Amino acid sequence: MITHEEALRWASNVDEFKLKVQGIATTADLSRDQMVAAVVGRGTPEITRFGR
């Protein structure tokens, strides 16, 4: 198990880590979620084959 203090010591951005632990989403999190939703929402791409 990793302690909170150890996680803080290894965090690349301590302030952002503290916000995430509190359950607060950053604008970077929201942007990432929007990009994922856009990609996932597309579904499976249609494959077009030549010669048919």
PDB file of N, CA and C in Angstrom:
ATOM      1  N   MET A   1       0.847  -1.176   0.000  1.00  0.00           N
ATOM      2  CA  MET A   1       0.000   0.000   0.000  1.00  0.00           C
ATOM      3  C   MET A   1       0.896   1.244   0.000  1.00  0.00           C
ATOM      4  N   ILE A   2       0.482   2.232  -0.755  1.00  0.00           N
ATOM      5  CA  ILE A   2       1.236   3.486  -0.841  1.00  0.00           C
ATOM      6  C   ILE A   2       0.573   4.516   0.061  1.00  0.00           C
ATOM      7  N   THR A   3       1.368   5.147   0.878  1.00  0.00           N
ATOM      8  CA  THR A   3       0.829   6.163   1.776  1.00  0.00           C
ATOM      9  C   THR A   3       0.620   7.475   1.009  1.00  0.00           C
ATOM     10  N   HIS A   4      -0.181   8.338   1.587  1.00  0.00           N
ATOM     11  CA  HIS A   4      -0.437   9.644   0.992  1.00  0.00           C
ATOM     12  C   HIS A   4       0.859  10.446   0.906  1.00  0.00           C
ATOM     13  N   GLU A   5       1.677  10.369   1.940  1.00  0.00           N
ATOM     14  CA  GLU A   5       2.951  11.105   1.956  1.00  0.00           C
ATOM     15  C   GLU A   5       3.884  10.603   0.856  1.00  0.00           C
ATOM     16  N   GLU A   6       3.928   9.283   0.652  1.00  0.00           N
ATOM     17  CA  GLU A   6       4.784   8.722  -0.403  1.00  0.00           C
ATOM     18  C   GLU A   6       4.280   9.148  -1.783  1.00  0.00           C
ATOM     19  N   ALA A   7       2.985   9.148  -1.966  1.00  0.00           N
ATOM     20  CA  ALA A   7       2.418   9.585  -3.244  1.00  0.00           C
ATOM     21  C   ALA A   7       2.742  11.050  -3.509  1.00  0.00           C
ATOM     22  N   LEU A   8       2.656  11.882  -2.483  1.00  0.00           N
ATOM     23  CA  LEU A   8       3.016  13.292  -2.640  1.00  0.00           C
ATOM     24  C   LEU A   8       4.484  13.456  -3.008  1.00  0.00           C
ATOM     25  N   ARG A   9       5.325  12.642  -2.407  1.00  0.00           N
ATOM     26  CA  ARG A   9       6.760  12.717  -2.673  1.00  0.00           C
ATOM     27  C   ARG A   9       7.066  12.397  -4.136  1.00  0.00           C
ATOM     28  N   TRP A  10       6.328  11.452  -4.740  1.00  0.00           N
ATOM     29  CA  TRP A  10       6.601  11.015  -6.107  1.00  0.00           C
ATOM     30  C   TRP A  10       5.734  11.703  -7.164  1.00  0.00           C
ATOM     31  N   ALA A  11       4.794  12.536  -6.751  1.00  0.00           N
ATOM     32  CA  ALA A  11       3.912  13.214  -7.712  1.00  0.00           C
ATOM     33  C   ALA A  11       4.700  14.221  -8.548  1.00  0.00           C
ATOM     34  N   SER A  12       4.424  14.233  -9.848  1.00  0.00           N
ATOM     35  CA  SER A  12       5.098  15.202 -10.718  1.00  0.00           C
ATOM     36  C   SER A  12       4.524  16.601 -10.535  1.00  0.00           C
ATOM     37  N   ASN A  13       3.260  16.685 -10.107  1.00  0.00           N
ATOM     38  CA  ASN A  13       2.626  17.975  -9.845  1.00  0.00           C
ATOM     39  C   ASN A  13       1.842  17.825  -8.536  1.00  0.00           C
ATOM     40  N   VAL A  14       2.435  18.249  -7.455  1.00  0.00           N
ATOM     41  CA  VAL A  14       1.872  18.043  -6.118  1.00  0.00           C
ATOM     42  C   VAL A  14       0.512  18.724  -5.972  1.00  0.00           C
ATOM     43  N   ASP A  15       0.384  19.951  -6.458  1.00  0.00           N
ATOM     44  CA  ASP A  15      -0.883  20.665  -6.327  1.00  0.00           C
ATOM     45  C   ASP A  15      -2.006  19.955  -7.087  1.00  0.00           C
ATOM     46  N   GLU A  16      -1.711  19.486  -8.295  1.00  0.00           N
ATOM     47  CA  GLU A  16      -2.714  18.762  -9.081  1.00  0.00           C
ATOM     48  C   GLU A  16      -3.079  17.440  -8.404  1.00  0.00           C
ATOM     49  N   PHE A  17      -2.105  16.759  -7.846  1.00  0.00           N
ATOM     50  CA  PHE A  17      -2.368  15.514  -7.130  1.00  0.00           C
ATOM     51  C   PHE A  17      -3.297  15.758  -5.938  1.00  0.00           C
ATOM     52  N   LYS A  18      -3.040  16.816  -5.200  1.00  0.00           N
ATOM     53  CA  LYS A  18      -3.894  17.134  -4.048  1.00  0.00           C
ATOM     54  C   LYS A  18      -5.333  17.380  -4.480  1.00  0.00           C
ATOM     55  N   LEU A  19      -5.516  18.067  -5.602  1.00  0.00           N
ATOM     56  CA  LEU A  19      -6.864  18.315  -6.108  1.00  0.00           C
ATOM     57  C   LEU A  19      -7.555  17.008  -6.480  1.00  0.00           C
ATOM     58  N   LYS A  20      -6.829  16.117  -7.139  1.00  0.00           N
ATOM     59  CA  LYS A  20      -7.412  14.837  -7.544  1.00  0.00           C
ATOM     60  C   LYS A  20      -7.803  14.002  -6.337  1.00  0.00           C
ATOM     61  N   VAL A  21      -6.988  14.023  -5.300  1.00  0.00           N
ATOM     62  CA  VAL A  21      -7.310  13.281  -4.088  1.00  0.00           C
ATOM     63  C   VAL A  21      -8.600  13.820  -3.475  1.00  0.00           C
ATOM     64  N   GLN A  22      -8.827  15.124  -3.589  1.00  0.00           N
ATOM     65  CA  GLN A  22     -10.037  15.744  -3.060  1.00  0.00           C
ATOM     66  C   GLN A  22     -11.241  15.531  -3.978  1.00  0.00           C
ATOM     67  N   GLY A  23     -10.993  14.971  -5.172  1.00  0.00           N
ATOM     68  CA  GLY A  23     -12.081  14.717  -6.110  1.00  0.00           C
ATOM     69  C   GLY A  23     -12.387  15.875  -7.031  1.00  0.00           C
ATOM     70  N   ILE A  24     -11.453  16.824  -7.137  1.00  0.00           N
ATOM     71  CA  ILE A  24     -11.651  18.004  -7.978  1.00  0.00           C
ATOM     72  C   ILE A  24     -10.970  17.766  -9.320  1.00  0.00           C
ATOM     73  N   ALA A  25     -11.724  17.904 -10.404  1.00  0.00           N
ATOM     74  CA  ALA A  25     -11.186  17.705 -11.745  1.00  0.00           C
ATOM     75  C   ALA A  25     -10.553  18.995 -12.246  1.00  0.00           C
ATOM     76  N   THR A  26      -9.414  18.873 -12.904  1.00  0.00           N
ATOM     77  CA  THR A  26      -8.747  20.030 -13.493  1.00  0.00           C
ATOM     78  C   THR A  26      -9.243  20.230 -14.922  1.00  0.00           C
ATOM     79  N   THR A  27      -8.905  21.342 -15.524  1.00  0.00           N
ATOM     80  CA  THR A  27      -9.302  21.572 -16.911  1.00  0.00           C
ATOM     81  C   THR A  27      -8.634  20.556 -17.834  1.00  0.00           C
ATOM     82  N   ALA A  28      -7.441  20.117 -17.493  1.00  0.00           N
ATOM     83  CA  ALA A  28      -6.765  19.089 -18.293  1.00  0.00           C
ATOM     84  C   ALA A  28      -7.562  17.782 -18.248  1.00  0.00           C
ATOM     85  N   ASP A  29      -8.097  17.437 -17.075  1.00  0.00           N
ATOM     86  CA  ASP A  29      -8.919  16.227 -16.955  1.00  0.00           C
ATOM     87  C   ASP A  29     -10.171  16.340 -17.814  1.00  0.00           C
ATOM     88  N   LEU A  30     -10.809  17.488 -17.769  1.00  0.00           N
ATOM     89  CA  LEU A  30     -12.036  17.692 -18.542  1.00  0.00           C
ATOM     90  C   LEU A  30     -11.759  17.623 -20.038  1.00  0.00           C
ATOM     91  N   SER A  31     -10.664  18.226 -20.476  1.00  0.00           N
ATOM     92  CA  SER A  31     -10.301  18.191 -21.890  1.00  0.00           C
ATOM     93  C   SER A  31     -10.019  16.768 -22.338  1.00  0.00           C
ATOM     94  N   ARG A  32      -9.292  16.022 -21.522  1.00  0.00           N
ATOM     95  CA  ARG A  32      -8.968  14.629 -21.835  1.00  0.00           C
ATOM     96  C   ARG A  32     -10.246  13.794 -21.922  1.00  0.00           C
ATOM     97  N   ASP A  33     -11.169  14.006 -21.000  1.00  0.00           N
ATOM     98  CA  ASP A  33     -12.434  13.273 -21.018  1.00  0.00           C
ATOM     99  C   ASP A  33     -13.241  13.586 -22.275  1.00  0.00           C
ATOM    100  N   GLN A  34     -13.228  14.845 -22.715  1.00  0.00           N
ATOM    101  CA  GLN A  34     -13.947  15.229 -23.928  1.00  0.00           C
ATOM    102  C   GLN A  34     -13.336  14.578 -25.158  1.00  0.00           C
ATOM    103  N   MET A  35     -12.000  14.508 -25.216  1.00  0.00           N
ATOM    104  CA  MET A  35     -11.339  13.869 -26.354  1.00  0.00           C
ATOM    105  C   MET A  35     -11.661  12.379 -26.406  1.00  0.00           C
ATOM    106  N   VAL A  36     -11.640  11.722 -25.255  1.00  0.00           N
ATOM    107  CA  VAL A  36     -11.960  10.295 -25.202  1.00  0.00           C
ATOM    108  C   VAL A  36     -13.400  10.059 -25.623  1.00  0.00           C
ATOM    109  N   ALA A  37     -14.320  10.884 -25.154  1.00  0.00           N
ATOM    110  CA  ALA A  37     -15.726  10.738 -25.506  1.00  0.00           C
ATOM    111  C   ALA A  37     -15.929  10.908 -27.010  1.00  0.00           C
ATOM    112  N   ALA A  38     -15.193  11.819 -27.620  1.00  0.00           N
ATOM    113  CA  ALA A  38     -15.318  12.044 -29.054  1.00  0.00           C
ATOM    114  C   ALA A  38     -14.827  10.834 -29.836  1.00  0.00           C
ATOM    115  N   VAL A  39     -13.744  10.227 -29.394  1.00  0.00           N
ATOM    116  CA  VAL A  39     -13.194   9.058 -30.085  1.00  0.00           C
ATOM    117  C   VAL A  39     -14.077   7.843 -29.859  1.00  0.00           C
ATOM    118  N   VAL A  40     -14.508   7.620 -28.637  1.00  0.00           N
ATOM    119  CA  VAL A  40     -15.330   6.461 -28.313  1.00  0.00           C
ATOM    120  C   VAL A  40     -16.708   6.575 -28.968  1.00  0.00           C
ATOM    121  N   GLY A  41     -17.230   7.771 -29.063  1.00  0.00           N
ATOM    122  CA  GLY A  41     -18.554   7.980 -29.637  1.00  0.00           C
ATOM    123  C   GLY A  41     -18.636   7.677 -31.123  1.00  0.00           C
ATOM    124  N   ARG A  42     -17.519   7.588 -31.777  1.00  0.00           N
ATOM    125  CA  ARG A  42     -17.504   7.328 -33.222  1.00  0.00           C
ATOM    126  C   ARG A  42     -17.873   5.893 -33.543  1.00  0.00           C
ATOM    127  N   GLY A  43     -17.647   4.970 -32.635  1.00  0.00           N
ATOM    128  CA  GLY A  43     -17.943   3.569 -32.901  1.00  0.00           C
ATOM    129  C   GLY A  43     -16.875   2.933 -33.773  1.00  0.00           C
ATOM    130  N   THR A  44     -17.222   1.823 -34.367  1.00  0.00           N
ATOM    131  CA  THR A  44     -16.282   1.089 -35.215  1.00  0.00           C
ATOM    132  C   THR A  44     -16.263   1.707 -36.602  1.00  0.00           C
ATOM    133  N   PRO A  45     -15.085   1.983 -37.136  1.00  0.00           N
ATOM    134  CA  PRO A  45     -15.023   2.587 -38.471  1.00  0.00           C
ATOM    135  C   PRO A  45     -15.477   1.591 -39.538  1.00  0.00           C
ATOM    136  N   GLU A  46     -16.133   2.107 -40.574  1.00  0.00           N
ATOM    137  CA  GLU A  46     -16.571   1.261 -41.683  1.00  0.00           C
ATOM    138  C   GLU A  46     -15.382   0.987 -42.585  1.00  0.00           C
ATOM    139  N   ILE A  47     -15.239  -0.265 -42.977  1.00  0.00           N
ATOM    140  CA  ILE A  47     -14.122  -0.658 -43.842  1.00  0.00           C
ATOM    141  C   ILE A  47     -14.643  -0.795 -45.258  1.00  0.00           C
ATOM    142  N   THR A  48     -14.030  -0.074 -46.181  1.00  0.00           N
ATOM    143  CA  THR A  48     -14.406  -0.127 -47.593  1.00  0.00           C
ATOM    144  C   THR A  48     -13.379  -0.958 -48.328  1.00  0.00           C
ATOM    145  N   ARG A  49     -13.849  -1.994 -49.007  1.00  0.00           N
ATOM    146  CA  ARG A  49     -12.942  -2.860 -49.771  1.00  0.00           C
ATOM    147  C   ARG A  49     -13.106  -2.594 -51.254  1.00  0.00           C
ATOM    148  N   PHE A  50     -12.008  -2.627 -51.965  1.00  0.00           N
ATOM    149  CA  PHE A  50     -12.037  -2.394 -53.404  1.00  0.00           C
ATOM    150  C   PHE A  50     -12.372  -3.694 -54.116  1.00  0.00           C
ATOM    151  N   GLY A  51     -13.016  -3.584 -55.283  1.00  0.00           N
ATOM    152  CA  GLY A  51     -13.304  -4.756 -56.100  1.00  0.00           C
ATOM    153  C   GLY A  51     -14.632  -5.426 -55.800  1.00  0.00           C
ATOM    154  N   ARG A  52     -15.458  -4.836 -54.982  1.00  0.00           N
ATOM    155  CA  ARG A  52     -16.756  -5.445 -54.670  1.00  0.00           C
ATOM    156  C   ARG A  52     -17.860  -4.566 -55.117  1.00  0.00           C
TER     157      ARG A  52
END
